Amino acid sequence: MLTYSNIEAVSLCFTESFETLAEGLEFCLWQVGGVPENHRTDNLSAAVQAIEPDGQRRWTDRYLALMTHYGMTPSTNTAGEAHENGDVEQAHHRFKEAADQALRARGSRDFADRASYVAWLQELARKRNQTRQLRWTTGLDTLRPLPTTPLHPCRELPVTVTRFSTIRVLHNTYSVPHAS
């Protein structure tokens, strides 16, 4: 979930990989229709390659390319200082709490597919954002235009399906449907 000026934009993220970070960020930027000046993250390894002895971050090449594409300045919180990311963490926690309550009221956590679930989450975010419209409108004035096209950062990797219907991707094993 992306939070901008306390406005929620929803993107499902299943891992903390660079691809997930980039996909979620791009989705949310295009959903809100503009680009903020800064992108703040925690010390996610998909963005931060290392923290130098002087406290400076060394960004990963792929994260820097993403920031350059959107013209955003990257920043992070101080490692080990959880309170510096508190507003984002709290917004994320509150949204997850609201989603859990809405799912309970709905009576089912089952959806026809992922797209239906994302649409349901987006509607929940839209309803929650209704009370924030004045602040959102003010925040929109600070957004810069989107680039002409999304970056769509992804990586294609050759994989081999084992006789056990599994593949290895970046040190992780995944099952795949058995080919008949």
C-alpha atoms as a PDB file:
ATOM      1  CA  MET A   1       0.000   0.000   0.000  1.00  0.00           C
ATOM      2  CA  LEU A   2       1.265   3.475  -0.852  1.00  0.00           C
ATOM      3  CA  THR A   3       0.423   6.296   1.500  1.00  0.00           C
ATOM      4  CA  TYR A   4       0.740   9.844   0.236  1.00  0.00           C
ATOM      5  CA  SER A   5      -0.410  12.683   2.488  1.00  0.00           C
ATOM      6  CA  ASN A   6      -2.429  10.060   4.375  1.00  0.00           C
ATOM      7  CA  ILE A   7      -4.208   8.913   1.206  1.00  0.00           C
ATOM      8  CA  GLU A   8      -4.176   5.205   0.561  1.00  0.00           C
ATOM      9  CA  ALA A   9      -3.569   3.708  -2.867  1.00  0.00           C
ATOM     10  CA  VAL A  10      -3.725  -0.067  -2.979  1.00  0.00           C
ATOM     11  CA  SER A  11      -1.318  -2.475  -4.600  1.00  0.00           C
ATOM     12  CA  LEU A  12      -0.867  -6.059  -3.419  1.00  0.00           C
ATOM     13  CA  CYS A  13       2.717  -6.931  -2.621  1.00  0.00           C
ATOM     14  CA  PHE A  14       3.586 -10.517  -1.793  1.00  0.00           C
ATOM     15  CA  THR A  15       7.336 -10.166  -1.330  1.00  0.00           C
ATOM     16  CA  GLU A  16       9.926  -7.516  -0.637  1.00  0.00           C
ATOM     17  CA  SER A  17      11.696  -8.024  -3.962  1.00  0.00           C
ATOM     18  CA  PHE A  18      12.675  -5.173  -6.231  1.00  0.00           C
ATOM     19  CA  GLU A  19      10.064  -6.271  -8.770  1.00  0.00           C
ATOM     20  CA  THR A  20       7.322  -6.060  -6.153  1.00  0.00           C
ATOM     21  CA  LEU A  21       8.546  -2.692  -4.896  1.00  0.00           C
ATOM     22  CA  ALA A  22       8.692  -1.288  -8.437  1.00  0.00           C
ATOM     23  CA  GLU A  23       5.357  -2.776  -9.514  1.00  0.00           C
ATOM     24  CA  GLY A  24       3.583  -1.469  -6.428  1.00  0.00           C
ATOM     25  CA  LEU A  25       5.154   1.976  -6.657  1.00  0.00           C
ATOM     26  CA  GLU A  26       4.391   2.316 -10.366  1.00  0.00           C
ATOM     27  CA  PHE A  27       0.828   1.105  -9.929  1.00  0.00           C
ATOM     28  CA  CYS A  28       0.177   3.614  -7.167  1.00  0.00           C
ATOM     29  CA  LEU A  29       1.850   6.544  -8.948  1.00  0.00           C
ATOM     30  CA  TRP A  30      -0.255   5.950 -12.060  1.00  0.00           C
ATOM     31  CA  GLN A  31      -3.352   5.443  -9.898  1.00  0.00           C
ATOM     32  CA  VAL A  32      -2.920   8.837  -8.192  1.00  0.00           C
ATOM     33  CA  GLY A  33      -1.838  10.499 -11.428  1.00  0.00           C
ATOM     34  CA  GLY A  34       1.424  12.159 -10.442  1.00  0.00           C
ATOM     35  CA  VAL A  35       4.854  11.874  -8.882  1.00  0.00           C
ATOM     36  CA  PRO A  36       5.952  13.243  -5.493  1.00  0.00           C
ATOM     37  CA  GLU A  37       9.400  14.798  -5.165  1.00  0.00           C
ATOM     38  CA  ASN A  38      10.685  12.141  -2.740  1.00  0.00           C
ATOM     39  CA  HIS A  39      10.349   8.413  -2.232  1.00  0.00           C
ATOM     40  CA  ARG A  40      11.011   7.232   1.295  1.00  0.00           C
ATOM     41  CA  THR A  41      11.559   3.593   2.083  1.00  0.00           C
ATOM     42  CA  ASP A  42      12.896   1.661   5.002  1.00  0.00           C
ATOM     43  CA  ASN A  43      16.236  -0.065   4.475  1.00  0.00           C
ATOM     44  CA  LEU A  44      14.721  -2.616   2.127  1.00  0.00           C
ATOM     45  CA  SER A  45      17.459  -4.629   0.420  1.00  0.00           C
ATOM     46  CA  ALA A  46      15.686  -4.124  -2.915  1.00  0.00           C
ATOM     47  CA  ALA A  47      16.536  -0.416  -2.597  1.00  0.00           C
ATOM     48  CA  VAL A  48      19.541  -0.172  -0.279  1.00  0.00           C
ATOM     49  CA  GLN A  49      22.653  -2.092  -1.214  1.00  0.00           C
ATOM     50  CA  ALA A  50      24.656  -1.060   1.837  1.00  0.00           C
ATOM     51  CA  ILE A  51      24.910   1.500   4.580  1.00  0.00           C
ATOM     52  CA  GLU A  52      28.347   3.088   4.609  1.00  0.00           C
ATOM     53  CA  PRO A  53      30.230   3.664   7.898  1.00  0.00           C
ATOM     54  CA  ASP A  54      29.314   7.376   7.680  1.00  0.00           C
ATOM     55  CA  GLY A  55      25.611   6.445   7.555  1.00  0.00           C
ATOM     56  CA  GLN A  56      25.165   7.178   3.846  1.00  0.00           C
ATOM     57  CA  ARG A  57      23.123   4.713   1.804  1.00  0.00           C
ATOM     58  CA  ARG A  58      24.421   3.048  -1.310  1.00  0.00           C
ATOM     59  CA  TRP A  59      21.380   2.456  -3.502  1.00  0.00           C
ATOM     60  CA  THR A  60      20.968  -0.564  -5.768  1.00  0.00           C
ATOM     61  CA  ASP A  61      21.370   0.214  -9.465  1.00  0.00           C
ATOM     62  CA  ARG A  62      17.831  -0.931 -10.253  1.00  0.00           C
ATOM     63  CA  TYR A  63      16.294   1.232  -7.513  1.00  0.00           C
ATOM     64  CA  LEU A  64      18.284   4.268  -8.687  1.00  0.00           C
ATOM     65  CA  ALA A  65      17.065   3.642 -12.247  1.00  0.00           C
ATOM     66  CA  LEU A  66      13.471   3.573 -10.970  1.00  0.00           C
ATOM     67  CA  MET A  67      13.971   6.804  -9.020  1.00  0.00           C
ATOM     68  CA  THR A  68      15.627   8.440 -12.045  1.00  0.00           C
ATOM     69  CA  HIS A  69      12.798   7.361 -14.359  1.00  0.00           C
ATOM     70  CA  TYR A  70      10.250   9.079 -12.103  1.00  0.00           C
ATOM     71  CA  GLY A  71      12.526  11.953 -11.070  1.00  0.00           C
ATOM     72  CA  MET A  72      12.177  11.151  -7.376  1.00  0.00           C
ATOM     73  CA  THR A  73      14.811  11.648  -4.699  1.00  0.00           C
ATOM     74  CA  PRO A  74      15.287   8.485  -2.619  1.00  0.00           C
ATOM     75  CA  SER A  75      15.560   8.574   1.163  1.00  0.00           C
ATOM     76  CA  THR A  76      15.373   6.079   3.999  1.00  0.00           C
ATOM     77  CA  ASN A  77      14.792   6.081   7.675  1.00  0.00           C
ATOM     78  CA  THR A  78      17.716   5.500  10.019  1.00  0.00           C
ATOM     79  CA  ALA A  79      18.413   1.807  10.499  1.00  0.00           C
ATOM     80  CA  GLY A  80      17.179   0.667  13.908  1.00  0.00           C
ATOM     81  CA  GLU A  81      14.981   3.755  14.436  1.00  0.00           C
ATOM     82  CA  ALA A  82      11.516   2.299  13.936  1.00  0.00           C
ATOM     83  CA  HIS A  83       9.746   5.498  15.033  1.00  0.00           C
ATOM     84  CA  GLU A  84      11.027   7.279  11.903  1.00  0.00           C
ATOM     85  CA  ASN A  85       8.733   5.148   9.742  1.00  0.00           C
ATOM     86  CA  GLY A  86       5.880   5.176  12.238  1.00  0.00           C
ATOM     87  CA  ASP A  87       3.317   7.176  10.264  1.00  0.00           C
ATOM     88  CA  VAL A  88       3.548   4.853   7.258  1.00  0.00           C
ATOM     89  CA  GLU A  89       3.594   1.728   9.412  1.00  0.00           C
ATOM     90  CA  GLN A  90       0.595   2.988  11.398  1.00  0.00           C
ATOM     91  CA  ALA A  91      -1.381   3.797   8.225  1.00  0.00           C
ATOM     92  CA  HIS A  92      -0.589   0.330   6.860  1.00  0.00           C
ATOM     93  CA  HIS A  93      -1.622  -1.295  10.158  1.00  0.00           C
ATOM     94  CA  ARG A  94      -4.903   0.673  10.261  1.00  0.00           C
ATOM     95  CA  PHE A  95      -5.722  -0.230   6.649  1.00  0.00           C
ATOM     96  CA  LYS A  96      -5.077  -3.930   7.322  1.00  0.00           C
ATOM     97  CA  GLU A  97      -7.296  -3.661  10.411  1.00  0.00           C
ATOM     98  CA  ALA A  98     -10.068  -1.992   8.380  1.00  0.00           C
ATOM     99  CA  ALA A  99      -9.760  -4.667   5.680  1.00  0.00           C
ATOM    100  CA  ASP A 100     -10.018  -7.423   8.284  1.00  0.00           C
ATOM    101  CA  GLN A 101     -13.150  -5.819   9.801  1.00  0.00           C
ATOM    102  CA  ALA A 102     -14.728  -5.338   6.357  1.00  0.00           C
ATOM    103  CA  LEU A 103     -13.991  -8.962   5.442  1.00  0.00           C
ATOM    104  CA  ARG A 104     -15.651 -10.106   8.672  1.00  0.00           C
ATOM    105  CA  ALA A 105     -18.690  -7.962   7.918  1.00  0.00           C
ATOM    106  CA  ARG A 106     -18.716  -9.335   4.350  1.00  0.00           C
ATOM    107  CA  GLY A 107     -18.973 -12.822   5.786  1.00  0.00           C
ATOM    108  CA  SER A 108     -16.377 -14.348   3.495  1.00  0.00           C
ATOM    109  CA  ARG A 109     -12.741 -13.941   2.603  1.00  0.00           C
ATOM    110  CA  ASP A 110     -13.221 -15.709  -0.722  1.00  0.00           C
ATOM    111  CA  PHE A 111     -12.989 -13.833  -4.020  1.00  0.00           C
ATOM    112  CA  ALA A 112     -13.384 -15.096  -7.552  1.00  0.00           C
ATOM    113  CA  ASP A 113      -9.830 -14.036  -8.427  1.00  0.00           C
ATOM    114  CA  ARG A 114      -7.015 -11.678  -7.490  1.00  0.00           C
ATOM    115  CA  ALA A 115      -8.464  -8.843  -9.606  1.00  0.00           C
ATOM    116  CA  SER A 116     -11.748  -9.021  -7.662  1.00  0.00           C
ATOM    117  CA  TYR A 117      -9.864  -8.852  -4.359  1.00  0.00           C
ATOM    118  CA  VAL A 118      -7.776  -5.861  -5.505  1.00  0.00           C
ATOM    119  CA  ALA A 119     -10.934  -4.079  -6.719  1.00  0.00           C
ATOM    120  CA  TRP A 120     -12.548  -4.725  -3.327  1.00  0.00           C
ATOM    121  CA  LEU A 121      -9.475  -3.323  -1.522  1.00  0.00           C
ATOM    122  CA  GLN A 122      -9.441  -0.275  -3.804  1.00  0.00           C
ATOM    123  CA  GLU A 123     -13.083   0.421  -3.015  1.00  0.00           C
ATOM    124  CA  LEU A 124     -12.308   0.131   0.704  1.00  0.00           C
ATOM    125  CA  ALA A 125      -9.444   2.624   0.279  1.00  0.00           C
ATOM    126  CA  ARG A 126     -11.703   4.961  -1.730  1.00  0.00           C
ATOM    127  CA  LYS A 127     -14.299   4.967   1.070  1.00  0.00           C
ATOM    128  CA  ARG A 128     -11.631   5.549   3.730  1.00  0.00           C
ATOM    129  CA  ASN A 129     -10.179   8.404   1.691  1.00  0.00           C
ATOM    130  CA  GLN A 130     -13.495  10.280   1.429  1.00  0.00           C
ATOM    131  CA  THR A 131     -12.806  12.126   4.682  1.00  0.00           C
ATOM    132  CA  ARG A 132      -9.366  13.158   3.418  1.00  0.00           C
ATOM    133  CA  GLN A 133     -10.399  14.829   0.167  1.00  0.00           C
ATOM    134  CA  LEU A 134      -9.408  18.387   1.186  1.00  0.00           C
ATOM    135  CA  ARG A 135      -5.914  17.308   2.216  1.00  0.00           C
ATOM    136  CA  TRP A 136      -5.673  15.126  -0.906  1.00  0.00           C
ATOM    137  CA  THR A 137      -6.620  18.004  -3.212  1.00  0.00           C
ATOM    138  CA  THR A 138      -3.980  20.172  -1.556  1.00  0.00           C
ATOM    139  CA  GLY A 139      -1.409  17.393  -1.931  1.00  0.00           C
ATOM    140  CA  LEU A 140      -2.206  16.929  -5.626  1.00  0.00           C
ATOM    141  CA  ASP A 141      -0.848  20.410  -6.312  1.00  0.00           C
ATOM    142  CA  THR A 142       2.606  19.235  -5.228  1.00  0.00           C
ATOM    143  CA  LEU A 143       2.695  16.222  -7.561  1.00  0.00           C
ATOM    144  CA  ARG A 144       4.747  16.449 -10.712  1.00  0.00           C
ATOM    145  CA  PRO A 145       3.594  14.965 -14.030  1.00  0.00           C
ATOM    146  CA  LEU A 146       4.119  11.286 -14.734  1.00  0.00           C
ATOM    147  CA  PRO A 147       6.659  10.296 -17.390  1.00  0.00           C
ATOM    148  CA  THR A 148       5.191   9.408 -20.784  1.00  0.00           C
ATOM    149  CA  THR A 149       5.369   5.660 -20.072  1.00  0.00           C
ATOM    150  CA  PRO A 150       5.777   3.420 -17.033  1.00  0.00           C
ATOM    151  CA  LEU A 151       9.160   1.748 -16.585  1.00  0.00           C
ATOM    152  CA  HIS A 152       7.716  -1.778 -16.145  1.00  0.00           C
ATOM    153  CA  PRO A 153      10.879  -3.128 -14.523  1.00  0.00           C
ATOM    154  CA  CYS A 154      10.936  -6.869 -14.653  1.00  0.00           C
ATOM    155  CA  ARG A 155      13.476  -9.560 -15.150  1.00  0.00           C
ATOM    156  CA  GLU A 156      13.089 -12.595 -17.372  1.00  0.00           C
ATOM    157  CA  LEU A 157      14.930 -15.613 -16.066  1.00  0.00           C
ATOM    158  CA  PRO A 158      15.392 -18.948 -17.776  1.00  0.00           C
ATOM    159  CA  VAL A 159      14.163 -21.743 -15.526  1.00  0.00           C
ATOM    160  CA  THR A 160      13.949 -25.483 -15.761  1.00  0.00           C
ATOM    161  CA  VAL A 161      10.913 -27.370 -14.535  1.00  0.00           C
ATOM    162  CA  THR A 162      12.006 -30.372 -12.507  1.00  0.00           C
ATOM    163  CA  ARG A 163      10.332 -33.765 -12.637  1.00  0.00           C
ATOM    164  CA  PHE A 164       8.657 -32.719  -9.354  1.00  0.00           C
ATOM    165  CA  SER A 165       6.964 -29.734 -11.070  1.00  0.00           C
ATOM    166  CA  THR A 166       9.111 -27.152  -9.287  1.00  0.00           C
ATOM    167  CA  ILE A 167      11.299 -24.300 -10.468  1.00  0.00           C
ATOM    168  CA  ARG A 168      14.081 -22.332  -8.757  1.00  0.00           C
ATOM    169  CA  VAL A 169      13.883 -18.546  -9.013  1.00  0.00           C
ATOM    170  CA  LEU A 170      16.450 -16.419  -7.192  1.00  0.00           C
ATOM    171  CA  HIS A 171      17.152 -19.061  -4.530  1.00  0.00           C
ATOM    172  CA  ASN A 172      13.449 -19.822  -3.961  1.00  0.00           C
ATOM    173  CA  THR A 173      11.588 -22.954  -5.004  1.00  0.00           C
ATOM    174  CA  TYR A 174       8.098 -22.694  -6.483  1.00  0.00           C
ATOM    175  CA  SER A 175       5.662 -25.370  -7.581  1.00  0.00           C
ATOM    176  CA  VAL A 176       4.146 -25.078 -11.026  1.00  0.00           C
ATOM    177  CA  PRO A 177       1.214 -26.896 -12.645  1.00  0.00           C
ATOM    178  CA  HIS A 178       2.059 -30.345 -13.922  1.00  0.00           C
ATOM    179  CA  ALA A 179       2.196 -30.491 -17.717  1.00  0.00           C
ATOM    180  CA  SER A 180       0.060 -33.328 -19.015  1.00  0.00           C
END
